[in-house]
Amino acid sequence: MVDPASALAAAKEIDHALGLIEKLLGKLRAKPDIAALKLSAALDEIVKTYRAVDEAFTTYVSLALDDGALRTGARQLLAIAGGNLSVRVSEGGGHCHVIGNIYDKHLKRWFEKVFNGDEQQQMSIVFRRFNDVDGDLFYKLADLARQMEEDATTVLRLVMAGDDQGARQQVLQTYTTLVPLQQEMGRGMQRMFKLKNDFIQVAQTV
């Protein structure tokens, strides 16, 4: 059974951290710095992970949504069962260490100019947590991809046995467990894209 609970919890932590940045956005706008572009790049590292996983989930679930897709897409199903999903997630994953480097080299000095002591401490915690959670989330999502590959193996056996309905139900059951995580990642990506645009605009005012 595919269990996305731990990945969902990590995604919610990232969303909470994004909310803390949003609360201090006005102060950053008031004292713009070219480092805003680096902040946008830090968010890109998390977006990479979200996008790779979302695309992988969508590819898998689409096999059950279209009539006959499990048979016509048998080669795709075989690729997923054989490890294709984990490879795609790994290739598309963000590099959590990049976030920490961006904070240390570019953002910390900007934040020291803009924020008071408590706010600086808060941002330090946020970006350390970003660094940790992105890695934590990535490993949990990679584990989830491996669970889905096992699920795809079961589905493939059902297809080979001629039980198309059973195979379809298996995929749809998996999809049901993934919906909360996909929704959370969708909200997170929207929030990150907005923040990315905000920080690009901040950099343009320097």
N, C-alpha and C. Protein backbone atom coordinates (compact mmCIF):
# COMPACT_ATOMS: atom_id res chain seq x y z
N MET A 1 0.84 -1.19 0.00
CA MET A 1 0.00 0.00 0.00
C MET A 1 0.88 1.25 0.00
N VAL A 2 0.58 2.19 -0.89
CA VAL A 2 1.32 3.44 -0.95
C VAL A 2 0.87 4.34 0.20
N ASP A 3 1.83 4.83 0.98
CA ASP A 3 1.52 5.67 2.15
C ASP A 3 2.27 7.00 2.04
N PRO A 4 1.56 8.08 1.66
CA PRO A 4 2.20 9.38 1.48
C PRO A 4 2.21 10.26 2.73
N ALA A 5 1.82 9.71 3.89
CA ALA A 5 1.62 10.53 5.08
C ALA A 5 2.87 11.32 5.49
N SER A 6 4.03 10.68 5.52
CA SER A 6 5.24 11.37 5.96
C SER A 6 5.66 12.45 4.97
N ALA A 7 5.49 12.17 3.67
CA ALA A 7 5.80 13.18 2.66
C ALA A 7 4.85 14.36 2.77
N LEU A 8 3.60 14.10 3.07
CA LEU A 8 2.61 15.16 3.23
C LEU A 8 2.98 16.06 4.41
N ALA A 9 3.42 15.46 5.50
CA ALA A 9 3.83 16.24 6.67
C ALA A 9 5.01 17.15 6.34
N ALA A 10 5.98 16.64 5.58
CA ALA A 10 7.14 17.44 5.20
C ALA A 10 6.74 18.58 4.27
N ALA A 11 5.81 18.31 3.35
CA ALA A 11 5.33 19.35 2.43
C ALA A 11 4.63 20.46 3.20
N LYS A 12 3.90 20.10 4.24
CA LYS A 12 3.22 21.10 5.06
C LYS A 12 4.22 21.97 5.82
N GLU A 13 5.33 21.38 6.22
CA GLU A 13 6.37 22.16 6.90
C GLU A 13 6.96 23.21 5.96
N ILE A 14 7.17 22.83 4.71
CA ILE A 14 7.68 23.78 3.73
C ILE A 14 6.68 24.91 3.52
N ASP A 15 5.39 24.56 3.45
CA ASP A 15 4.36 25.57 3.25
C ASP A 15 4.33 26.55 4.43
N HIS A 16 4.52 26.04 5.64
CA HIS A 16 4.56 26.89 6.82
C HIS A 16 5.74 27.87 6.72
N ALA A 17 6.88 27.39 6.28
CA ALA A 17 8.07 28.24 6.14
C ALA A 17 7.84 29.32 5.09
N LEU A 18 7.16 28.97 4.00
CA LEU A 18 6.84 29.96 2.97
C LEU A 18 5.96 31.06 3.53
N GLY A 19 5.03 30.68 4.40
CA GLY A 19 4.15 31.66 5.02
C GLY A 19 4.92 32.66 5.87
N LEU A 20 5.96 32.21 6.55
CA LEU A 20 6.78 33.09 7.37
C LEU A 20 7.53 34.10 6.50
N ILE A 21 7.99 33.65 5.34
CA ILE A 21 8.67 34.57 4.41
C ILE A 21 7.68 35.61 3.89
N GLU A 22 6.49 35.17 3.55
CA GLU A 22 5.46 36.09 3.05
C GLU A 22 5.18 37.22 4.04
N LYS A 23 5.17 36.88 5.33
CA LYS A 23 4.87 37.88 6.36
C LYS A 23 5.90 38.99 6.41
N LEU A 24 7.14 38.69 6.00
CA LEU A 24 8.22 39.68 6.05
C LEU A 24 8.55 40.25 4.68
N LEU A 25 7.75 39.93 3.69
CA LEU A 25 8.02 40.37 2.32
C LEU A 25 8.04 41.89 2.20
N GLY A 26 7.13 42.56 2.94
CA GLY A 26 7.07 44.02 2.88
C GLY A 26 8.39 44.68 3.26
N LYS A 27 9.05 44.16 4.28
CA LYS A 27 10.33 44.72 4.71
C LYS A 27 11.42 44.51 3.65
N LEU A 28 11.37 43.38 2.98
CA LEU A 28 12.36 43.11 1.93
C LEU A 28 12.13 44.03 0.73
N ARG A 29 10.87 44.31 0.45
CA ARG A 29 10.56 45.24 -0.63
C ARG A 29 11.07 46.65 -0.31
N ALA A 30 11.00 47.00 0.97
CA ALA A 30 11.40 48.35 1.38
C ALA A 30 12.90 48.56 1.26
N LYS A 31 13.69 47.50 1.35
CA LYS A 31 15.15 47.59 1.22
C LYS A 31 15.62 46.53 0.22
N PRO A 32 15.34 46.76 -1.07
CA PRO A 32 15.64 45.74 -2.09
C PRO A 32 17.14 45.47 -2.22
N ASP A 33 17.42 44.26 -2.67
CA ASP A 33 18.81 43.85 -2.87
C ASP A 33 18.82 42.84 -4.02
N ILE A 34 19.90 42.83 -4.78
CA ILE A 34 20.01 41.89 -5.89
C ILE A 34 19.97 40.44 -5.40
N ALA A 35 20.21 40.24 -4.10
CA ALA A 35 20.14 38.89 -3.52
C ALA A 35 18.75 38.30 -3.63
N ALA A 36 17.76 39.13 -3.93
CA ALA A 36 16.39 38.63 -4.13
C ALA A 36 16.35 37.59 -5.24
N LEU A 37 17.23 37.75 -6.23
CA LEU A 37 17.28 36.75 -7.31
C LEU A 37 17.77 35.41 -6.77
N LYS A 38 18.66 35.45 -5.80
CA LYS A 38 19.15 34.22 -5.19
C LYS A 38 18.06 33.56 -4.35
N LEU A 39 17.22 34.39 -3.75
CA LEU A 39 16.10 33.84 -2.98
C LEU A 39 15.12 33.14 -3.91
N SER A 40 14.90 33.73 -5.08
CA SER A 40 14.06 33.08 -6.09
C SER A 40 14.67 31.75 -6.51
N ALA A 41 16.00 31.71 -6.65
CA ALA A 41 16.69 30.48 -7.05
C ALA A 41 16.57 29.41 -5.98
N ALA A 42 16.57 29.82 -4.70
CA ALA A 42 16.43 28.86 -3.61
C ALA A 42 15.06 28.17 -3.70
N LEU A 43 14.04 28.95 -4.00
CA LEU A 43 12.70 28.36 -4.14
C LEU A 43 12.65 27.41 -5.33
N ASP A 44 13.43 27.70 -6.37
CA ASP A 44 13.47 26.83 -7.55
C ASP A 44 13.89 25.42 -7.19
N GLU A 45 14.78 25.28 -6.21
CA GLU A 45 15.26 23.96 -5.83
C GLU A 45 14.13 23.09 -5.29
N ILE A 46 13.20 23.71 -4.57
CA ILE A 46 12.06 22.96 -4.05
C ILE A 46 11.04 22.70 -5.15
N VAL A 47 10.84 23.69 -6.02
CA VAL A 47 9.90 23.53 -7.14
C VAL A 47 10.31 22.36 -8.02
N LYS A 48 11.61 22.17 -8.24
CA LYS A 48 12.09 21.06 -9.06
C LYS A 48 11.58 19.73 -8.53
N THR A 49 11.69 19.56 -7.22
CA THR A 49 11.24 18.32 -6.59
C THR A 49 9.75 18.14 -6.75
N TYR A 50 9.00 19.18 -6.45
CA TYR A 50 7.54 19.11 -6.56
C TYR A 50 7.10 18.76 -7.97
N ARG A 51 7.68 19.45 -8.95
CA ARG A 51 7.27 19.24 -10.33
C ARG A 51 7.57 17.83 -10.80
N ALA A 52 8.75 17.31 -10.46
CA ALA A 52 9.13 15.96 -10.88
C ALA A 52 8.17 14.92 -10.33
N VAL A 53 7.83 15.06 -9.04
CA VAL A 53 6.94 14.09 -8.40
C VAL A 53 5.53 14.21 -8.94
N ASP A 54 5.05 15.43 -9.11
CA ASP A 54 3.70 15.64 -9.62
C ASP A 54 3.55 15.03 -11.02
N GLU A 55 4.53 15.23 -11.87
CA GLU A 55 4.49 14.67 -13.22
C GLU A 55 4.52 13.15 -13.18
N ALA A 56 5.32 12.60 -12.26
CA ALA A 56 5.40 11.14 -12.14
C ALA A 56 4.07 10.56 -11.68
N PHE A 57 3.46 11.19 -10.69
CA PHE A 57 2.16 10.73 -10.20
C PHE A 57 1.12 10.78 -11.31
N THR A 58 1.10 11.90 -12.03
CA THR A 58 0.10 12.09 -13.08
C THR A 58 0.25 11.04 -14.18
N THR A 59 1.49 10.75 -14.54
CA THR A 59 1.75 9.73 -15.57
C THR A 59 1.18 8.38 -15.15
N TYR A 60 1.41 8.02 -13.90
CA TYR A 60 0.95 6.72 -13.40
C TYR A 60 -0.57 6.65 -13.34
N VAL A 61 -1.17 7.67 -12.75
CA VAL A 61 -2.62 7.66 -12.56
C VAL A 61 -3.36 7.71 -13.90
N SER A 62 -2.79 8.38 -14.90
CA SER A 62 -3.45 8.51 -16.20
C SER A 62 -3.69 7.14 -16.84
N LEU A 63 -2.90 6.14 -16.44
CA LEU A 63 -3.06 4.80 -16.99
C LEU A 63 -4.40 4.19 -16.61
N ALA A 64 -5.00 4.66 -15.53
CA ALA A 64 -6.28 4.11 -15.09
C ALA A 64 -7.46 4.99 -15.49
N LEU A 65 -7.19 6.22 -15.90
CA LEU A 65 -8.27 7.14 -16.20
C LEU A 65 -8.79 7.01 -17.63
N ASP A 66 -7.93 6.62 -18.53
CA ASP A 66 -8.32 6.49 -19.94
C ASP A 66 -8.67 5.04 -20.25
N ASP A 67 -9.78 4.84 -20.96
CA ASP A 67 -10.21 3.49 -21.30
C ASP A 67 -9.13 2.75 -22.08
N GLY A 68 -8.81 1.57 -21.61
CA GLY A 68 -7.84 0.72 -22.30
C GLY A 68 -6.40 1.15 -22.13
N ALA A 69 -6.14 2.21 -21.34
CA ALA A 69 -4.77 2.73 -21.24
C ALA A 69 -3.83 1.76 -20.55
N LEU A 70 -4.36 0.93 -19.66
CA LEU A 70 -3.49 -0.01 -18.96
C LEU A 70 -2.92 -1.05 -19.92
N ARG A 71 -3.68 -1.37 -20.96
CA ARG A 71 -3.16 -2.32 -21.95
C ARG A 71 -2.32 -1.62 -23.01
N THR A 72 -2.84 -0.51 -23.53
CA THR A 72 -2.08 0.21 -24.56
C THR A 72 -0.82 0.84 -23.97
N GLY A 73 -0.87 1.11 -22.67
CA GLY A 73 0.29 1.69 -22.01
C GLY A 73 1.08 0.68 -21.22
N ALA A 74 0.98 -0.58 -21.60
CA ALA A 74 1.65 -1.65 -20.86
C ALA A 74 3.17 -1.43 -20.79
N ARG A 75 3.73 -0.92 -21.88
CA ARG A 75 5.17 -0.68 -21.88
C ARG A 75 5.55 0.40 -20.85
N GLN A 76 4.70 1.41 -20.76
CA GLN A 76 4.92 2.48 -19.78
C GLN A 76 4.77 1.93 -18.35
N LEU A 77 3.78 1.09 -18.17
CA LEU A 77 3.56 0.46 -16.87
C LEU A 77 4.75 -0.41 -16.50
N LEU A 78 5.28 -1.13 -17.47
CA LEU A 78 6.45 -1.97 -17.24
C LEU A 78 7.66 -1.13 -16.86
N ALA A 79 7.80 0.05 -17.49
CA ALA A 79 8.91 0.94 -17.17
C ALA A 79 8.82 1.45 -15.74
N ILE A 80 7.59 1.78 -15.31
CA ILE A 80 7.39 2.26 -13.94
C ILE A 80 7.72 1.14 -12.95
N ALA A 81 7.20 -0.04 -13.21
CA ALA A 81 7.45 -1.18 -12.34
C ALA A 81 8.94 -1.52 -12.28
N GLY A 82 9.65 -1.22 -13.35
CA GLY A 82 11.08 -1.54 -13.43
C GLY A 82 11.99 -0.49 -12.83
N GLY A 83 11.42 0.60 -12.31
CA GLY A 83 12.25 1.61 -11.64
C GLY A 83 12.29 2.95 -12.31
N ASN A 84 11.53 3.13 -13.40
CA ASN A 84 11.54 4.39 -14.13
C ASN A 84 11.09 5.57 -13.27
N LEU A 85 10.12 5.31 -12.40
CA LEU A 85 9.56 6.38 -11.57
C LEU A 85 10.61 6.94 -10.62
N SER A 86 11.34 6.07 -9.94
CA SER A 86 12.38 6.51 -9.01
C SER A 86 13.46 7.32 -9.73
N VAL A 87 13.80 6.89 -10.93
CA VAL A 87 14.82 7.60 -11.71
C VAL A 87 14.35 9.00 -12.04
N ARG A 88 13.09 9.13 -12.46
CA ARG A 88 12.54 10.45 -12.81
C ARG A 88 12.50 11.38 -11.60
N VAL A 89 12.11 10.84 -10.46
CA VAL A 89 12.07 11.66 -9.24
C VAL A 89 13.49 12.08 -8.85
N SER A 90 14.44 11.15 -8.93
CA SER A 90 15.82 11.46 -8.57
C SER A 90 16.42 12.51 -9.49
N GLU A 91 16.15 12.40 -10.79
CA GLU A 91 16.69 13.35 -11.75
C GLU A 91 16.10 14.74 -11.57
N GLY A 92 14.82 14.80 -11.20
CA GLY A 92 14.15 16.08 -11.09
C GLY A 92 14.22 16.70 -9.72
N GLY A 93 14.78 15.99 -8.76
CA GLY A 93 14.81 16.47 -7.39
C GLY A 93 15.70 17.68 -7.19
N GLY A 94 15.30 18.56 -6.26
CA GLY A 94 16.12 19.70 -5.92
C GLY A 94 17.34 19.27 -5.12
N HIS A 95 18.32 20.11 -5.06
CA HIS A 95 19.53 19.81 -4.29
C HIS A 95 19.46 20.63 -3.01
N CYS A 96 19.16 19.96 -1.91
CA CYS A 96 18.89 20.67 -0.66
C CYS A 96 20.07 21.49 -0.18
N HIS A 97 21.31 21.03 -0.46
CA HIS A 97 22.49 21.77 0.01
C HIS A 97 22.60 23.13 -0.68
N VAL A 98 22.01 23.26 -1.88
CA VAL A 98 22.06 24.53 -2.61
C VAL A 98 21.35 25.62 -1.82
N ILE A 99 20.24 25.27 -1.17
CA ILE A 99 19.47 26.25 -0.40
C ILE A 99 20.32 26.81 0.74
N GLY A 100 21.00 25.93 1.46
CA GLY A 100 21.86 26.38 2.55
C GLY A 100 22.98 27.28 2.06
N ASN A 101 23.58 26.94 0.92
CA ASN A 101 24.67 27.75 0.36
C ASN A 101 24.17 29.14 -0.04
N ILE A 102 22.99 29.19 -0.64
CA ILE A 102 22.42 30.47 -1.05
C ILE A 102 22.16 31.36 0.16
N TYR A 103 21.64 30.76 1.21
CA TYR A 103 21.38 31.54 2.43
C TYR A 103 22.69 32.09 3.01
N ASP A 104 23.69 31.22 3.15
CA ASP A 104 24.95 31.63 3.77
C ASP A 104 25.69 32.69 2.95
N LYS A 105 25.70 32.54 1.64
CA LYS A 105 26.51 33.41 0.79
C LYS A 105 25.81 34.71 0.37
N HIS A 106 24.49 34.69 0.30
CA HIS A 106 23.79 35.84 -0.28
C HIS A 106 22.68 36.43 0.60
N LEU A 107 21.87 35.57 1.20
CA LEU A 107 20.68 36.07 1.87
C LEU A 107 20.95 36.59 3.28
N LYS A 108 21.86 35.96 3.98
CA LYS A 108 22.10 36.32 5.37
C LYS A 108 22.49 37.80 5.51
N ARG A 109 23.37 38.28 4.62
CA ARG A 109 23.81 39.68 4.69
C ARG A 109 22.65 40.63 4.41
N TRP A 110 21.81 40.27 3.46
CA TRP A 110 20.64 41.10 3.14
C TRP A 110 19.69 41.15 4.33
N PHE A 111 19.42 40.00 4.89
CA PHE A 111 18.49 39.92 6.02
C PHE A 111 19.00 40.73 7.22
N GLU A 112 20.32 40.75 7.41
CA GLU A 112 20.90 41.51 8.53
C GLU A 112 20.66 43.00 8.36
N LYS A 113 20.58 43.46 7.11
CA LYS A 113 20.31 44.87 6.84
C LYS A 113 18.84 45.24 7.02
N VAL A 114 17.98 44.25 6.83
CA VAL A 114 16.54 44.52 6.77
C VAL A 114 15.81 44.21 8.07
N PHE A 115 16.15 43.10 8.70
CA PHE A 115 15.36 42.59 9.83
C PHE A 115 15.98 42.91 11.18
N ASN A 116 15.12 42.93 12.19
CA ASN A 116 15.63 43.04 13.55
C ASN A 116 16.15 41.68 14.00
N GLY A 117 16.69 41.63 15.21
CA GLY A 117 17.33 40.40 15.68
C GLY A 117 16.41 39.20 15.69
N ASP A 118 15.19 39.39 16.17
CA ASP A 118 14.24 38.27 16.24
C ASP A 118 13.88 37.77 14.84
N GLU A 119 13.70 38.71 13.93
CA GLU A 119 13.34 38.33 12.55
C GLU A 119 14.49 37.63 11.86
N GLN A 120 15.72 38.08 12.12
CA GLN A 120 16.89 37.40 11.55
C GLN A 120 16.97 35.96 12.05
N GLN A 121 16.71 35.79 13.33
CA GLN A 121 16.73 34.45 13.91
C GLN A 121 15.65 33.58 13.29
N GLN A 122 14.49 34.18 13.08
CA GLN A 122 13.39 33.44 12.48
C GLN A 122 13.74 32.99 11.06
N MET A 123 14.36 33.89 10.28
CA MET A 123 14.74 33.54 8.91
C MET A 123 15.85 32.50 8.89
N SER A 124 16.75 32.58 9.87
CA SER A 124 17.80 31.57 9.97
C SER A 124 17.18 30.19 10.18
N ILE A 125 16.22 30.13 11.08
CA ILE A 125 15.53 28.86 11.36
C ILE A 125 14.79 28.38 10.12
N VAL A 126 14.11 29.33 9.44
CA VAL A 126 13.34 28.98 8.24
C VAL A 126 14.23 28.36 7.17
N PHE A 127 15.38 28.98 6.92
CA PHE A 127 16.23 28.48 5.83
C PHE A 127 17.01 27.24 6.22
N ARG A 128 17.33 27.10 7.48
CA ARG A 128 17.92 25.83 7.91
C ARG A 128 16.90 24.72 7.77
N ARG A 129 15.66 25.06 8.10
CA ARG A 129 14.60 24.05 7.97
C ARG A 129 14.31 23.76 6.51
N PHE A 130 14.34 24.81 5.67
CA PHE A 130 14.21 24.60 4.23
C PHE A 130 15.25 23.59 3.76
N ASN A 131 16.48 23.82 4.18
CA ASN A 131 17.58 22.95 3.79
C ASN A 131 17.33 21.52 4.23
N ASP A 132 16.90 21.35 5.49
CA ASP A 132 16.67 20.01 6.02
C ASP A 132 15.42 19.37 5.44
N VAL A 133 14.34 20.17 5.39
CA VAL A 133 13.06 19.61 4.94
C VAL A 133 13.09 19.25 3.47
N ASP A 134 13.79 20.07 2.65
CA ASP A 134 13.87 19.73 1.24
C ASP A 134 14.54 18.38 1.06
N GLY A 135 15.62 18.15 1.81
CA GLY A 135 16.28 16.85 1.75
C GLY A 135 15.39 15.76 2.32
N ASP A 136 14.76 16.07 3.45
CA ASP A 136 13.86 15.11 4.10
C ASP A 136 12.69 14.78 3.18
N LEU A 137 12.09 15.82 2.62
CA LEU A 137 10.96 15.62 1.71
C LEU A 137 11.38 14.83 0.48
N PHE A 138 12.55 15.18 -0.06
CA PHE A 138 13.02 14.49 -1.26
C PHE A 138 13.17 12.99 -1.02
N TYR A 139 13.77 12.62 0.12
CA TYR A 139 13.95 11.20 0.40
C TYR A 139 12.62 10.50 0.63
N LYS A 140 11.69 11.21 1.25
CA LYS A 140 10.37 10.63 1.46
C LYS A 140 9.61 10.46 0.15
N LEU A 141 9.77 11.43 -0.74
CA LEU A 141 9.13 11.32 -2.05
C LEU A 141 9.79 10.22 -2.89
N ALA A 142 11.10 10.10 -2.77
CA ALA A 142 11.78 9.02 -3.49
C ALA A 142 11.31 7.66 -2.97
N ASP A 143 11.12 7.55 -1.65
CA ASP A 143 10.59 6.32 -1.07
C ASP A 143 9.18 6.06 -1.56
N LEU A 144 8.39 7.13 -1.67
CA LEU A 144 7.03 7.00 -2.18
C LEU A 144 7.03 6.51 -3.62
N ALA A 145 7.98 7.00 -4.41
CA ALA A 145 8.10 6.54 -5.79
C ALA A 145 8.40 5.04 -5.84
N ARG A 146 9.25 4.59 -4.93
CA ARG A 146 9.56 3.15 -4.88
C ARG A 146 8.31 2.34 -4.49
N GLN A 147 7.52 2.89 -3.57
CA GLN A 147 6.27 2.22 -3.21
C GLN A 147 5.34 2.12 -4.41
N MET A 148 5.30 3.18 -5.20
CA MET A 148 4.44 3.18 -6.39
C MET A 148 4.94 2.19 -7.43
N GLU A 149 6.25 1.99 -7.49
CA GLU A 149 6.80 0.99 -8.41
C GLU A 149 6.36 -0.41 -8.01
N GLU A 150 6.33 -0.67 -6.71
CA GLU A 150 5.83 -1.96 -6.23
C GLU A 150 4.35 -2.10 -6.56
N ASP A 151 3.62 -1.01 -6.41
CA ASP A 151 2.21 -0.99 -6.75
C ASP A 151 2.02 -1.28 -8.24
N ALA A 152 2.87 -0.67 -9.07
CA ALA A 152 2.79 -0.87 -10.52
C ALA A 152 3.08 -2.32 -10.89
N THR A 153 3.96 -2.99 -10.12
CA THR A 153 4.25 -4.40 -10.37
C THR A 153 3.00 -5.24 -10.15
N THR A 154 2.27 -4.93 -9.07
CA THR A 154 1.00 -5.63 -8.79
C THR A 154 0.01 -5.39 -9.92
N VAL A 155 -0.08 -4.13 -10.37
CA VAL A 155 -1.01 -3.78 -11.45
C VAL A 155 -0.63 -4.52 -12.73
N LEU A 156 0.65 -4.58 -13.02
CA LEU A 156 1.11 -5.26 -14.23
C LEU A 156 0.73 -6.74 -14.20
N ARG A 157 0.84 -7.38 -13.04
CA ARG A 157 0.47 -8.78 -12.91
C ARG A 157 -1.03 -8.96 -13.18
N LEU A 158 -1.83 -8.03 -12.69
CA LEU A 158 -3.28 -8.10 -12.92
C LEU A 158 -3.60 -7.94 -14.40
N VAL A 159 -2.91 -7.04 -15.07
CA VAL A 159 -3.12 -6.83 -16.51
C VAL A 159 -2.74 -8.09 -17.28
N MET A 160 -1.61 -8.69 -16.91
CA MET A 160 -1.15 -9.89 -17.59
C MET A 160 -2.10 -11.06 -17.36
N ALA A 161 -2.80 -11.03 -16.21
CA ALA A 161 -3.77 -12.09 -15.90
C ALA A 161 -5.13 -11.81 -16.53
N GLY A 162 -5.24 -10.67 -17.23
CA GLY A 162 -6.50 -10.34 -17.89
C GLY A 162 -7.50 -9.64 -16.99
N ASP A 163 -7.09 -9.27 -15.79
CA ASP A 163 -7.99 -8.60 -14.85
C ASP A 163 -7.82 -7.09 -14.97
N ASP A 164 -8.31 -6.53 -16.08
CA ASP A 164 -8.17 -5.11 -16.32
C ASP A 164 -8.91 -4.27 -15.26
N GLN A 165 -10.07 -4.75 -14.87
CA GLN A 165 -10.85 -4.00 -13.89
C GLN A 165 -10.13 -3.96 -12.53
N GLY A 166 -9.58 -5.10 -12.14
CA GLY A 166 -8.83 -5.15 -10.89
C GLY A 166 -7.61 -4.25 -10.93
N ALA A 167 -6.94 -4.23 -12.10
CA ALA A 167 -5.76 -3.39 -12.27
C ALA A 167 -6.14 -1.91 -12.16
N ARG A 168 -7.24 -1.56 -12.81
CA ARG A 168 -7.69 -0.17 -12.78
C ARG A 168 -8.06 0.26 -11.36
N GLN A 169 -8.73 -0.61 -10.64
CA GLN A 169 -9.12 -0.31 -9.27
C GLN A 169 -7.91 -0.12 -8.37
N GLN A 170 -6.86 -0.91 -8.63
CA GLN A 170 -5.63 -0.80 -7.84
C GLN A 170 -5.00 0.58 -8.03
N VAL A 171 -4.92 1.03 -9.27
CA VAL A 171 -4.33 2.34 -9.55
C VAL A 171 -5.18 3.46 -8.95
N LEU A 172 -6.50 3.34 -9.09
CA LEU A 172 -7.38 4.37 -8.56
C LEU A 172 -7.32 4.43 -7.04
N GLN A 173 -7.16 3.27 -6.41
CA GLN A 173 -7.01 3.25 -4.95
C GLN A 173 -5.73 3.98 -4.53
N THR A 174 -4.67 3.74 -5.29
CA THR A 174 -3.42 4.45 -5.02
C THR A 174 -3.60 5.94 -5.21
N TYR A 175 -4.29 6.32 -6.26
CA TYR A 175 -4.53 7.73 -6.54
C TYR A 175 -5.26 8.40 -5.37
N THR A 176 -6.24 7.70 -4.81
CA THR A 176 -7.01 8.25 -3.70
C THR A 176 -6.09 8.60 -2.52
N THR A 177 -5.10 7.76 -2.28
CA THR A 177 -4.18 8.03 -1.17
C THR A 177 -3.23 9.19 -1.49
N LEU A 178 -3.03 9.46 -2.79
CA LEU A 178 -2.08 10.50 -3.20
C LEU A 178 -2.71 11.88 -3.29
N VAL A 179 -4.04 11.95 -3.39
CA VAL A 179 -4.73 13.23 -3.61
C VAL A 179 -4.32 14.31 -2.60
N PRO A 180 -4.33 14.03 -1.27
CA PRO A 180 -3.95 15.09 -0.33
C PRO A 180 -2.53 15.62 -0.56
N LEU A 181 -1.60 14.74 -0.89
CA LEU A 181 -0.23 15.17 -1.13
C LEU A 181 -0.15 16.01 -2.41
N GLN A 182 -0.82 15.57 -3.46
CA GLN A 182 -0.81 16.34 -4.71
C GLN A 182 -1.41 17.71 -4.51
N GLN A 183 -2.49 17.77 -3.76
CA GLN A 183 -3.13 19.06 -3.50
C GLN A 183 -2.21 19.98 -2.71
N GLU A 184 -1.53 19.42 -1.70
CA GLU A 184 -0.60 20.22 -0.90
C GLU A 184 0.56 20.72 -1.75
N MET A 185 1.10 19.85 -2.61
CA MET A 185 2.19 20.27 -3.48
C MET A 185 1.71 21.31 -4.48
N GLY A 186 0.47 21.16 -4.97
CA GLY A 186 -0.09 22.14 -5.89
C GLY A 186 -0.18 23.51 -5.25
N ARG A 187 -0.70 23.55 -4.01
CA ARG A 187 -0.77 24.83 -3.29
C ARG A 187 0.62 25.39 -3.05
N GLY A 188 1.55 24.51 -2.70
CA GLY A 188 2.91 24.95 -2.44
C GLY A 188 3.57 25.54 -3.68
N MET A 189 3.37 24.90 -4.84
CA MET A 189 3.96 25.41 -6.07
C MET A 189 3.38 26.77 -6.43
N GLN A 190 2.06 26.95 -6.26
CA GLN A 190 1.45 28.25 -6.54
C GLN A 190 2.05 29.33 -5.65
N ARG A 191 2.23 29.00 -4.38
CA ARG A 191 2.79 29.95 -3.43
C ARG A 191 4.23 30.29 -3.79
N MET A 192 5.00 29.26 -4.18
CA MET A 192 6.40 29.49 -4.52
C MET A 192 6.54 30.30 -5.80
N PHE A 193 5.69 30.03 -6.80
CA PHE A 193 5.75 30.79 -8.04
C PHE A 193 5.44 32.26 -7.79
N LYS A 194 4.47 32.52 -6.92
CA LYS A 194 4.13 33.91 -6.59
C LYS A 194 5.30 34.59 -5.89
N LEU A 195 5.90 33.89 -4.92
CA LEU A 195 7.04 34.46 -4.21
C LEU A 195 8.23 34.67 -5.14
N LYS A 196 8.44 33.73 -6.05
CA LYS A 196 9.53 33.87 -7.01
C LYS A 196 9.34 35.15 -7.83
N ASN A 197 8.12 35.38 -8.31
CA ASN A 197 7.84 36.59 -9.09
C ASN A 197 8.02 37.85 -8.23
N ASP A 198 7.58 37.76 -6.97
CA ASP A 198 7.75 38.89 -6.06
C ASP A 198 9.21 39.25 -5.90
N PHE A 199 10.06 38.25 -5.75
CA PHE A 199 11.48 38.51 -5.50
C PHE A 199 12.21 38.98 -6.78
N ILE A 200 11.74 38.52 -7.91
CA ILE A 200 12.29 39.05 -9.17
C ILE A 200 11.98 40.53 -9.30
N GLN A 201 10.74 40.90 -8.94
CA GLN A 201 10.35 42.32 -8.97
C GLN A 201 11.16 43.14 -7.97
N VAL A 202 11.42 42.56 -6.80
CA VAL A 202 12.24 43.26 -5.80
C VAL A 202 13.63 43.53 -6.37
N ALA A 203 14.23 42.54 -7.02
CA ALA A 203 15.57 42.69 -7.57
C ALA A 203 15.61 43.77 -8.67
N GLN A 204 14.51 43.90 -9.40
CA GLN A 204 14.45 44.88 -10.48
C GLN A 204 14.39 46.33 -9.98
N THR A 205 14.08 46.49 -8.70
CA THR A 205 13.99 47.85 -8.14
C THR A 205 15.30 48.33 -7.54
N VAL A 206 16.31 47.48 -7.57
CA VAL A 206 17.60 47.85 -6.98
C VAL A 206 18.26 48.94 -7.83
